Amino acid sequence: LAERAEVQLSYAIGVAKPVSILVESFGTG
């Protein structure tokens, strides 16, 4: 699905679900 992929996750302490999810494919997706 991509030649390069970077995934960012963020969390709040004491909270289960990620605050945010981001995928960056640098134009290779």
PDB file of all heavy atoms in Angstrom:
ATOM      1  N   LEU A   1       0.814  -1.213   0.000  1.00  0.00           N
ATOM      2  CA  LEU A   1       0.000   0.000   0.000  1.00  0.00           C
ATOM      3  C   LEU A   1       0.849   1.265   0.000  1.00  0.00           C
ATOM      4  O   LEU A   1       0.364   2.345  -0.330  1.00  0.00           O
ATOM      5  CB  LEU A   1      -0.938  -0.004   1.209  1.00  0.00           C
ATOM      6  CG  LEU A   1      -2.088  -1.016   1.144  1.00  0.00           C
ATOM      7  CD1 LEU A   1      -2.768  -1.147   2.482  1.00  0.00           C
ATOM      8  CD2 LEU A   1      -3.093  -0.586   0.068  1.00  0.00           C
ATOM      9  N   ALA A   2       2.120   1.141   0.377  1.00  0.00           N
ATOM     10  CA  ALA A   2       3.046   2.270   0.346  1.00  0.00           C
ATOM     11  C   ALA A   2       4.473   1.740   0.305  1.00  0.00           C
ATOM     12  O   ALA A   2       4.746   0.629   0.777  1.00  0.00           O
ATOM     13  CB  ALA A   2       2.858   3.161   1.569  1.00  0.00           C
ATOM     14  N   GLU A   3       5.384   2.527  -0.275  1.00  0.00           N
ATOM     15  CA  GLU A   3       6.800   2.165  -0.267  1.00  0.00           C
ATOM     16  C   GLU A   3       7.469   2.634   1.024  1.00  0.00           C
ATOM     17  O   GLU A   3       8.451   2.050   1.475  1.00  0.00           O
ATOM     18  CB  GLU A   3       7.509   2.781  -1.472  1.00  0.00           C
ATOM     19  CG  GLU A   3       7.046   2.227  -2.805  1.00  0.00           C
ATOM     20  CD  GLU A   3       7.770   2.863  -3.969  1.00  0.00           C
ATOM     21  OE1 GLU A   3       8.791   3.570  -3.740  1.00  0.00           O
ATOM     22  OE2 GLU A   3       7.339   2.675  -5.119  1.00  0.00           O
ATOM     23  N   ARG A   4       6.951   3.717   1.586  1.00  0.00           N
ATOM     24  CA  ARG A   4       7.422   4.252   2.864  1.00  0.00           C
ATOM     25  C   ARG A   4       6.196   4.646   3.673  1.00  0.00           C
ATOM     26  O   ARG A   4       5.239   5.195   3.125  1.00  0.00           O
ATOM     27  CB  ARG A   4       8.308   5.483   2.663  1.00  0.00           C
ATOM     28  CG  ARG A   4       9.546   5.260   1.834  1.00  0.00           C
ATOM     29  CD  ARG A   4      10.126   6.588   1.364  1.00  0.00           C
ATOM     30  NE  ARG A   4      10.486   7.472   2.465  1.00  0.00           N
ATOM     31  CZ  ARG A   4      10.710   8.781   2.319  1.00  0.00           C
ATOM     32  NH1 ARG A   4      10.585   9.349   1.122  1.00  0.00           N
ATOM     33  NH2 ARG A   4      11.048   9.515   3.364  1.00  0.00           N
ATOM     34  N   ALA A   5       6.218   4.375   4.955  1.00  0.00           N
ATOM     35  CA  ALA A   5       5.079   4.732   5.799  1.00  0.00           C
ATOM     36  C   ALA A   5       5.554   5.107   7.193  1.00  0.00           C
ATOM     37  O   ALA A   5       6.382   4.405   7.789  1.00  0.00           O
ATOM     38  CB  ALA A   5       4.085   3.582   5.889  1.00  0.00           C
ATOM     39  N   GLU A   6       5.043   6.226   7.678  1.00  0.00           N
ATOM     40  CA  GLU A   6       5.291   6.653   9.050  1.00  0.00           C
ATOM     41  C   GLU A   6       3.939   6.801   9.737  1.00  0.00           C
ATOM     42  O   GLU A   6       3.027   7.427   9.204  1.00  0.00           O
ATOM     43  CB  GLU A   6       6.048   7.972   9.078  1.00  0.00           C
ATOM     44  CG  GLU A   6       6.422   8.428  10.482  1.00  0.00           C
ATOM     45  CD  GLU A   6       7.184   9.740  10.464  1.00  0.00           C
ATOM     46  OE1 GLU A   6       6.549  10.796  10.225  1.00  0.00           O
ATOM     47  OE2 GLU A   6       8.410   9.715  10.668  1.00  0.00           O
ATOM     48  N   VAL A   7       3.824   6.219  10.912  1.00  0.00           N
ATOM     49  CA  VAL A   7       2.568   6.230  11.665  1.00  0.00           C
ATOM     50  C   VAL A   7       2.791   6.968  12.976  1.00  0.00           C
ATOM     51  O   VAL A   7       3.731   6.653  13.722  1.00  0.00           O
ATOM     52  CB  VAL A   7       2.080   4.790  11.948  1.00  0.00           C
ATOM     53  CG1 VAL A   7       0.828   4.811  12.818  1.00  0.00           C
ATOM     54  CG2 VAL A   7       1.815   4.049  10.641  1.00  0.00           C
ATOM     55  N   GLN A   8       1.950   7.963  13.247  1.00  0.00           N
ATOM     56  CA  GLN A   8       1.997   8.646  14.531  1.00  0.00           C
ATOM     57  C   GLN A   8       0.770   8.277  15.355  1.00  0.00           C
ATOM     58  O   GLN A   8      -0.362   8.305  14.857  1.00  0.00           O
ATOM     59  CB  GLN A   8       2.025  10.170  14.374  1.00  0.00           C
ATOM     60  CG  GLN A   8       2.198  10.888  15.711  1.00  0.00           C
ATOM     61  CD  GLN A   8       1.729  12.335  15.702  1.00  0.00           C
ATOM     62  OE1 GLN A   8       0.623  12.633  15.286  1.00  0.00           O
ATOM     63  NE2 GLN A   8       2.593  13.231  16.155  1.00  0.00           N
ATOM     64  N   LEU A   9       1.013   7.925  16.611  1.00  0.00           N
ATOM     65  CA  LEU A   9      -0.054   7.679  17.585  1.00  0.00           C
ATOM     66  C   LEU A   9       0.140   8.642  18.750  1.00  0.00           C
ATOM     67  O   LEU A   9       1.273   8.984  19.093  1.00  0.00           O
ATOM     68  CB  LEU A   9      -0.002   6.241  18.111  1.00  0.00           C
ATOM     69  CG  LEU A   9       0.016   5.108  17.082  1.00  0.00           C
ATOM     70  CD1 LEU A   9       0.192   3.766  17.782  1.00  0.00           C
ATOM     71  CD2 LEU A   9      -1.255   5.121  16.248  1.00  0.00           C
ATOM     72  N   SER A  10      -0.954   9.072  19.355  1.00  0.00           N
ATOM     73  CA  SER A  10      -0.849   9.884  20.568  1.00  0.00           C
ATOM     74  C   SER A  10      -1.836   9.380  21.597  1.00  0.00           C
ATOM     75  O   SER A  10      -2.901   8.856  21.256  1.00  0.00           O
ATOM     76  CB  SER A  10      -1.102  11.363  20.265  1.00  0.00           C
ATOM     77  OG  SER A  10      -2.456  11.596  19.916  1.00  0.00           O
ATOM     78  N   TYR A  11      -1.462   9.525  22.859  1.00  0.00           N
ATOM     79  CA  TYR A  11      -2.258   8.999  23.966  1.00  0.00           C
ATOM     80  C   TYR A  11      -2.348  10.015  25.097  1.00  0.00           C
ATOM     81  O   TYR A  11      -1.472  10.873  25.257  1.00  0.00           O
ATOM     82  CB  TYR A  11      -1.629   7.709  24.517  1.00  0.00           C
ATOM     83  CG  TYR A  11      -1.687   6.542  23.562  1.00  0.00           C
ATOM     84  CD1 TYR A  11      -0.701   6.379  22.588  1.00  0.00           C
ATOM     85  CD2 TYR A  11      -2.719   5.620  23.616  1.00  0.00           C
ATOM     86  CE1 TYR A  11      -0.757   5.320  21.700  1.00  0.00           C
ATOM     87  CE2 TYR A  11      -2.770   4.549  22.735  1.00  0.00           C
ATOM     88  CZ  TYR A  11      -1.796   4.406  21.777  1.00  0.00           C
ATOM     89  OH  TYR A  11      -1.853   3.351  20.891  1.00  0.00           O
ATOM     90  N   ALA A  12      -3.413   9.890  25.878  1.00  0.00           N
ATOM     91  CA  ALA A  12      -3.557  10.630  27.132  1.00  0.00           C
ATOM     92  C   ALA A  12      -3.415   9.634  28.276  1.00  0.00           C
ATOM     93  O   ALA A  12      -3.959   8.521  28.214  1.00  0.00           O
ATOM     94  CB  ALA A  12      -4.919  11.322  27.198  1.00  0.00           C
ATOM     95  N   ILE A  13      -2.696   9.998  29.308  1.00  0.00           N
ATOM     96  CA  ILE A  13      -2.486   9.094  30.431  1.00  0.00           C
ATOM     97  C   ILE A  13      -3.833   8.737  31.063  1.00  0.00           C
ATOM     98  O   ILE A  13      -4.693   9.594  31.286  1.00  0.00           O
ATOM     99  CB  ILE A  13      -1.526   9.720  31.469  1.00  0.00           C
ATOM    100  CG1 ILE A  13      -1.132   8.695  32.529  1.00  0.00           C
ATOM    101  CG2 ILE A  13      -2.112  10.978  32.098  1.00  0.00           C
ATOM    102  CD1 ILE A  13       0.037   9.142  33.397  1.00  0.00           C
ATOM    103  N   GLY A  14      -4.029   7.441  31.302  1.00  0.00           N
ATOM    104  CA  GLY A  14      -5.260   6.969  31.912  1.00  0.00           C
ATOM    105  C   GLY A  14      -6.419   6.798  30.952  1.00  0.00           C
ATOM    106  O   GLY A  14      -7.527   6.470  31.364  1.00  0.00           O
ATOM    107  N   VAL A  15      -6.179   6.989  29.648  1.00  0.00           N
ATOM    108  CA  VAL A  15      -7.231   6.858  28.631  1.00  0.00           C
ATOM    109  C   VAL A  15      -6.821   5.743  27.675  1.00  0.00           C
ATOM    110  O   VAL A  15      -5.666   5.660  27.262  1.00  0.00           O
ATOM    111  CB  VAL A  15      -7.443   8.180  27.863  1.00  0.00           C
ATOM    112  CG1 VAL A  15      -8.489   8.010  26.768  1.00  0.00           C
ATOM    113  CG2 VAL A  15      -7.851   9.291  28.834  1.00  0.00           C
ATOM    114  N   ALA A  16      -7.760   4.882  27.299  1.00  0.00           N
ATOM    115  CA  ALA A  16      -7.431   3.713  26.492  1.00  0.00           C
ATOM    116  C   ALA A  16      -7.277   4.043  25.004  1.00  0.00           C
ATOM    117  O   ALA A  16      -6.294   3.663  24.370  1.00  0.00           O
ATOM    118  CB  ALA A  16      -8.482   2.625  26.681  1.00  0.00           C
ATOM    119  N   LYS A  17      -8.250   4.722  24.447  1.00  0.00           N
ATOM    120  CA  LYS A  17      -8.232   4.949  22.997  1.00  0.00           C
ATOM    121  C   LYS A  17      -7.207   6.018  22.628  1.00  0.00           C
ATOM    122  O   LYS A  17      -7.055   7.018  23.346  1.00  0.00           O
ATOM    123  CB  LYS A  17      -9.624   5.366  22.511  1.00  0.00           C
ATOM    124  CG  LYS A  17     -10.691   4.295  22.682  1.00  0.00           C
ATOM    125  CD  LYS A  17     -12.027   4.774  22.150  1.00  0.00           C
ATOM    126  CE  LYS A  17     -13.092   3.685  22.296  1.00  0.00           C
ATOM    127  NZ  LYS A  17     -13.360   3.366  23.714  1.00  0.00           N
ATOM    128  N   PRO A  18      -6.487   5.831  21.511  1.00  0.00           N
ATOM    129  CA  PRO A  18      -5.548   6.866  21.076  1.00  0.00           C
ATOM    130  C   PRO A  18      -6.249   8.206  20.869  1.00  0.00           C
ATOM    131  O   PRO A  18      -7.393   8.255  20.404  1.00  0.00           O
ATOM    132  CB  PRO A  18      -5.003   6.313  19.759  1.00  0.00           C
ATOM    133  CG  PRO A  18      -5.268   4.852  19.790  1.00  0.00           C
ATOM    134  CD  PRO A  18      -6.519   4.673  20.596  1.00  0.00           C
ATOM    135  N   VAL A  19      -5.576   9.265  21.213  1.00  0.00           N
ATOM    136  CA  VAL A  19      -6.110  10.602  20.971  1.00  0.00           C
ATOM    137  C   VAL A  19      -6.128  10.903  19.474  1.00  0.00           C
ATOM    138  O   VAL A  19      -7.060  11.521  18.962  1.00  0.00           O
ATOM    139  CB  VAL A  19      -5.266  11.649  21.726  1.00  0.00           C
ATOM    140  CG1 VAL A  19      -5.694  13.071  21.356  1.00  0.00           C
ATOM    141  CG2 VAL A  19      -5.387  11.433  23.228  1.00  0.00           C
ATOM    142  N   SER A  20      -5.093  10.429  18.770  1.00  0.00           N
ATOM    143  CA  SER A  20      -5.029  10.656  17.324  1.00  0.00           C
ATOM    144  C   SER A  20      -4.214   9.566  16.651  1.00  0.00           C
ATOM    145  O   SER A  20      -3.365   8.929  17.271  1.00  0.00           O
ATOM    146  CB  SER A  20      -4.418  12.025  17.004  1.00  0.00           C
ATOM    147  OG  SER A  20      -3.045  12.066  17.404  1.00  0.00           O
ATOM    148  N   ILE A  21      -4.503   9.361  15.365  1.00  0.00           N
ATOM    149  CA  ILE A  21      -3.768   8.423  14.510  1.00  0.00           C
ATOM    150  C   ILE A  21      -3.499   9.129  13.187  1.00  0.00           C
ATOM    151  O   ILE A  21      -4.409   9.711  12.588  1.00  0.00           O
ATOM    152  CB  ILE A  21      -4.562   7.132  14.253  1.00  0.00           C
ATOM    153  CG1 ILE A  21      -4.875   6.410  15.573  1.00  0.00           C
ATOM    154  CG2 ILE A  21      -3.793   6.205  13.308  1.00  0.00           C
ATOM    155  CD1 ILE A  21      -5.813   5.216  15.407  1.00  0.00           C
ATOM    156  N   LEU A  22      -2.262   9.080  12.726  1.00  0.00           N
ATOM    157  CA  LEU A  22      -1.892   9.734  11.466  1.00  0.00           C
ATOM    158  C   LEU A  22      -0.962   8.828  10.674  1.00  0.00           C
ATOM    159  O   LEU A  22      -0.037   8.237  11.236  1.00  0.00           O
ATOM    160  CB  LEU A  22      -1.191  11.064  11.743  1.00  0.00           C
ATOM    161  CG  LEU A  22      -0.598  11.794  10.518  1.00  0.00           C
ATOM    162  CD1 LEU A  22      -1.711  12.303   9.611  1.00  0.00           C
ATOM    163  CD2 LEU A  22       0.303  12.929  10.955  1.00  0.00           C
ATOM    164  N   VAL A  23      -1.195   8.730   9.377  1.00  0.00           N
ATOM    165  CA  VAL A  23      -0.313   7.997   8.485  1.00  0.00           C
ATOM    166  C   VAL A  23       0.255   8.957   7.444  1.00  0.00           C
ATOM    167  O   VAL A  23      -0.485   9.723   6.823  1.00  0.00           O
ATOM    168  CB  VAL A  23      -1.046   6.839   7.771  1.00  0.00           C
ATOM    169  CG1 VAL A  23      -0.090   6.129   6.797  1.00  0.00           C
ATOM    170  CG2 VAL A  23      -1.596   5.847   8.785  1.00  0.00           C
ATOM    171  N   GLU A  24       1.580   8.914   7.249  1.00  0.00           N
ATOM    172  CA  GLU A  24       2.264   9.703   6.222  1.00  0.00           C
ATOM    173  C   GLU A  24       3.018   8.740   5.313  1.00  0.00           C
ATOM    174  O   GLU A  24       3.838   7.944   5.780  1.00  0.00           O
ATOM    175  CB  GLU A  24       3.238  10.680   6.876  1.00  0.00           C
ATOM    176  CG  GLU A  24       4.158  11.399   5.903  1.00  0.00           C
ATOM    177  CD  GLU A  24       3.418  12.252   4.897  1.00  0.00           C
ATOM    178  OE1 GLU A  24       2.800  13.249   5.319  1.00  0.00           O
ATOM    179  OE2 GLU A  24       3.457  11.900   3.687  1.00  0.00           O
ATOM    180  N   SER A  25       2.715   8.783   4.010  1.00  0.00           N
ATOM    181  CA  SER A  25       3.365   7.863   3.067  1.00  0.00           C
ATOM    182  C   SER A  25       4.359   8.565   2.153  1.00  0.00           C
ATOM    183  O   SER A  25       4.903   7.939   1.240  1.00  0.00           O
ATOM    184  CB  SER A  25       2.307   7.138   2.228  1.00  0.00           C
ATOM    185  OG  SER A  25       1.593   8.059   1.422  1.00  0.00           O
ATOM    186  N   PHE A  26       4.579   9.859   2.348  1.00  0.00           N
ATOM    187  CA  PHE A  26       5.603  10.600   1.605  1.00  0.00           C
ATOM    188  C   PHE A  26       5.429  10.498   0.093  1.00  0.00           C
ATOM    189  O   PHE A  26       6.402  10.431  -0.665  1.00  0.00           O
ATOM    190  CB  PHE A  26       7.002  10.124   2.007  1.00  0.00           C
ATOM    191  CG  PHE A  26       7.231  10.138   3.489  1.00  0.00           C
ATOM    192  CD1 PHE A  26       7.054   8.982   4.251  1.00  0.00           C
ATOM    193  CD2 PHE A  26       7.595  11.305   4.142  1.00  0.00           C
ATOM    194  CE1 PHE A  26       7.252   8.984   5.625  1.00  0.00           C
ATOM    195  CE2 PHE A  26       7.786  11.320   5.525  1.00  0.00           C
ATOM    196  CZ  PHE A  26       7.615  10.156   6.261  1.00  0.00           C
ATOM    197  N   GLY A  27       4.168  10.457  -0.329  1.00  0.00           N
ATOM    198  CA  GLY A  27       3.887  10.405  -1.755  1.00  0.00           C
ATOM    199  C   GLY A  27       4.064   9.040  -2.396  1.00  0.00           C
ATOM    200  O   GLY A  27       3.954   8.914  -3.617  1.00  0.00           O
ATOM    201  N   THR A  28       4.292   8.003  -1.585  1.00  0.00           N
ATOM    202  CA  THR A  28       4.519   6.658  -2.139  1.00  0.00           C
ATOM    203  C   THR A  28       3.297   5.754  -2.001  1.00  0.00           C
ATOM    204  O   THR A  28       3.345   4.598  -2.414  1.00  0.00           O
ATOM    205  CB  THR A  28       5.703   5.965  -1.446  1.00  0.00           C
ATOM    206  OG1 THR A  28       5.344   5.652  -0.087  1.00  0.00           O
ATOM    207  CG2 THR A  28       6.937   6.862  -1.449  1.00  0.00           C
ATOM    208  N   GLY A  29       2.212   6.258  -1.416  1.00  0.00           N
ATOM    209  CA  GLY A  29       1.045   5.421  -1.178  1.00  0.00           C
ATOM    210  C   GLY A  29       0.222   5.172  -2.423  1.00  0.00           C
ATOM    211  O   GLY A  29       0.138   6.024  -3.321  1.00  0.00           O
TER     212      GLY A  29
END
